[in-house]
Amino acid sequence: MDHVEFGKYLSQQRELRGLSRDEVSRVTKISPSLIAALEEGQVERLPSRVFVLNYIRAYATVIGLAPEEAVLRYEEVDKATPEPSPVVLERERRKRAWVALAVVLVVLGVGALAALVMTGKAPNPFVR
C-alpha cells in the first residue's frame, strides 16, 4: 500500500458513510485542500508528520473509523516510502541556491540600470 492507496481507502470509507469532504472539513476544522491532499495521497502538499497523524485521527473519528487503526495503516505506508538520499537532497538545495542567486543578480542589475538612467549616466532604453 502507498500514500495514494491509503488516500483512496480514506475516501472510500468516507463515501460509504455518505459524508462529503466539506462535511469532514467543517467538523474537523481541517482545510478542504488538506483533506483533498490526504485523500489523493499528495504527500508533498501535507504539513509535517505530527500534524498529518492528528489529521488522520480527527478524520477517522468523524467518519467512524478507529483512529489508532487508521494511524497504524498510515504509519505502515509512511515507513514503506523511501526517504530521499542525501545526494538528492543536496542537489535540490544547490538548485534552489542557484535560482535564488540568479534572482538576486537580476534584481541588482535592473536596480543598477535604473540608477544609471535616473542619474543621467545612461540613456533611457524606453525613450527614442
Protein backbone atom coordinates (compact mmCIF):
# COMPACT_ATOMS: atom_id res chain seq x y z
CA MET A 1 0.00 0.00 0.00
CA ASP A 2 1.26 3.51 -0.81
CA HIS A 3 0.02 7.02 0.04
CA VAL A 4 -2.37 7.09 -2.93
CA GLU A 5 -3.94 3.77 -1.93
CA PHE A 6 -4.20 4.95 1.69
CA GLY A 7 -5.97 8.11 0.49
CA LYS A 8 -8.35 6.02 -1.61
CA TYR A 9 -9.08 3.89 1.45
CA LEU A 10 -9.98 7.00 3.45
CA SER A 11 -12.16 8.50 0.72
CA GLN A 12 -13.96 5.17 0.14
CA GLN A 13 -14.68 4.85 3.85
CA ARG A 14 -15.97 8.44 3.91
CA GLU A 15 -18.17 7.87 0.86
CA LEU A 16 -19.57 4.61 2.30
CA ARG A 17 -20.81 6.66 5.23
CA GLY A 18 -22.38 9.27 2.95
CA LEU A 19 -20.13 12.14 4.01
CA SER A 20 -18.63 14.78 1.76
CA ARG A 21 -15.15 16.26 2.01
CA ASP A 22 -16.70 19.56 3.01
CA GLU A 23 -18.60 17.94 5.88
CA VAL A 24 -15.42 16.29 7.17
CA SER A 25 -13.57 19.58 6.77
CA ARG A 26 -16.24 21.52 8.64
CA VAL A 27 -16.34 19.10 11.60
CA THR A 28 -12.57 18.52 11.87
CA LYS A 29 -11.57 22.13 11.06
CA ILE A 30 -9.05 20.71 8.57
CA SER A 31 -8.92 22.78 5.39
CA PRO A 32 -10.59 21.24 2.33
CA SER A 33 -7.29 21.41 0.42
CA LEU A 34 -5.55 19.32 3.09
CA ILE A 35 -8.43 16.81 3.12
CA ALA A 36 -8.05 16.55 -0.67
CA ALA A 37 -4.27 16.12 -0.40
CA LEU A 38 -4.71 13.39 2.21
CA GLU A 39 -7.31 11.54 0.14
CA GLU A 40 -5.32 11.87 -3.07
CA GLY A 41 -2.04 10.74 -1.48
CA GLN A 42 -0.28 14.02 -2.29
CA VAL A 43 2.28 13.90 0.50
CA GLU A 44 4.15 16.93 -0.84
CA ARG A 45 1.09 19.11 -0.09
CA LEU A 46 0.81 17.92 3.52
CA PRO A 47 2.45 19.53 6.55
CA SER A 48 4.86 17.75 8.87
CA ARG A 49 4.14 14.24 10.08
CA VAL A 50 2.88 15.18 13.56
CA PHE A 51 0.10 17.27 12.01
CA VAL A 52 -0.80 14.59 9.47
CA LEU A 53 -1.18 11.98 12.21
CA ASN A 54 -3.54 14.28 14.12
CA TYR A 55 -5.50 14.99 10.92
CA ILE A 56 -5.87 11.26 10.32
CA ARG A 57 -7.12 10.73 13.89
CA ALA A 58 -9.69 13.52 13.55
CA TYR A 59 -10.73 12.38 10.06
CA ALA A 60 -11.13 8.77 11.19
CA THR A 61 -13.16 9.77 14.23
CA VAL A 62 -15.57 11.84 12.12
CA ILE A 63 -16.17 9.08 9.57
CA GLY A 64 -16.47 6.35 12.19
CA LEU A 65 -13.15 4.52 11.85
CA ALA A 66 -10.95 3.58 14.79
CA PRO A 67 -8.46 6.49 14.88
CA GLU A 68 -5.47 4.42 16.02
CA GLU A 69 -6.12 1.78 13.35
CA ALA A 70 -6.12 4.49 10.68
CA VAL A 71 -2.88 5.93 12.09
CA LEU A 72 -1.26 2.47 12.09
CA ARG A 73 -2.23 2.00 8.43
CA TYR A 74 -0.72 5.38 7.60
CA GLU A 75 2.48 4.63 9.51
CA GLU A 76 2.91 1.37 7.55
CA VAL A 77 2.60 3.32 4.31
CA ASP A 78 4.84 6.13 5.52
CA LYS A 79 7.60 3.72 6.63
CA ALA A 80 7.47 1.95 3.27
CA THR A 81 8.12 5.24 1.46
CA PRO A 82 11.87 5.66 0.98
CA GLU A 83 13.47 8.87 2.19
CA PRO A 84 15.30 10.87 -0.47
CA SER A 85 19.02 10.23 -0.39
CA PRO A 86 21.39 12.91 0.94
CA VAL A 87 22.77 13.29 -2.59
CA VAL A 88 19.31 14.10 -3.98
CA LEU A 89 18.58 16.50 -1.10
CA GLU A 90 21.90 18.29 -1.65
CA ARG A 91 21.24 18.54 -5.40
CA GLU A 92 17.83 20.12 -4.72
CA ARG A 93 19.33 22.52 -2.16
CA ARG A 94 22.01 23.64 -4.62
CA LYS A 95 19.46 24.11 -7.39
CA ARG A 96 17.36 26.36 -5.11
CA ALA A 97 20.51 28.30 -4.16
CA TRP A 98 21.40 28.91 -7.83
CA VAL A 99 17.88 30.05 -8.62
CA ALA A 100 17.93 32.43 -5.64
CA LEU A 101 21.32 33.79 -6.74
CA ALA A 102 20.05 34.34 -10.29
CA VAL A 103 17.02 36.24 -8.99
CA VAL A 104 19.20 38.44 -6.77
CA LEU A 105 21.57 39.21 -9.67
CA VAL A 106 18.70 40.14 -11.99
CA VAL A 107 17.18 42.43 -9.36
CA LEU A 108 20.57 44.07 -8.72
CA GLY A 109 21.16 44.50 -12.46
CA VAL A 110 17.78 46.13 -13.01
CA GLY A 111 18.36 48.35 -9.96
CA ALA A 112 21.79 49.41 -11.21
CA LEU A 113 20.44 50.19 -14.68
CA ALA A 114 17.60 52.20 -13.17
CA ALA A 115 20.08 54.14 -11.02
CA LEU A 116 22.26 54.93 -14.04
CA VAL A 117 19.25 56.09 -16.07
CA MET A 118 17.94 58.24 -13.22
CA THR A 119 21.32 59.95 -12.69
CA GLY A 120 21.69 60.57 -16.42
CA LYS A 121 24.78 58.40 -16.79
CA ALA A 122 22.99 56.02 -19.16
CA PRO A 123 20.36 56.69 -21.84
CA ASN A 124 16.81 55.62 -21.08
CA PRO A 125 16.24 52.45 -23.13
CA PHE A 126 12.48 53.16 -23.32
CA VAL A 127 12.76 56.63 -24.91
CA ARG A 128 13.53 57.01 -28.60
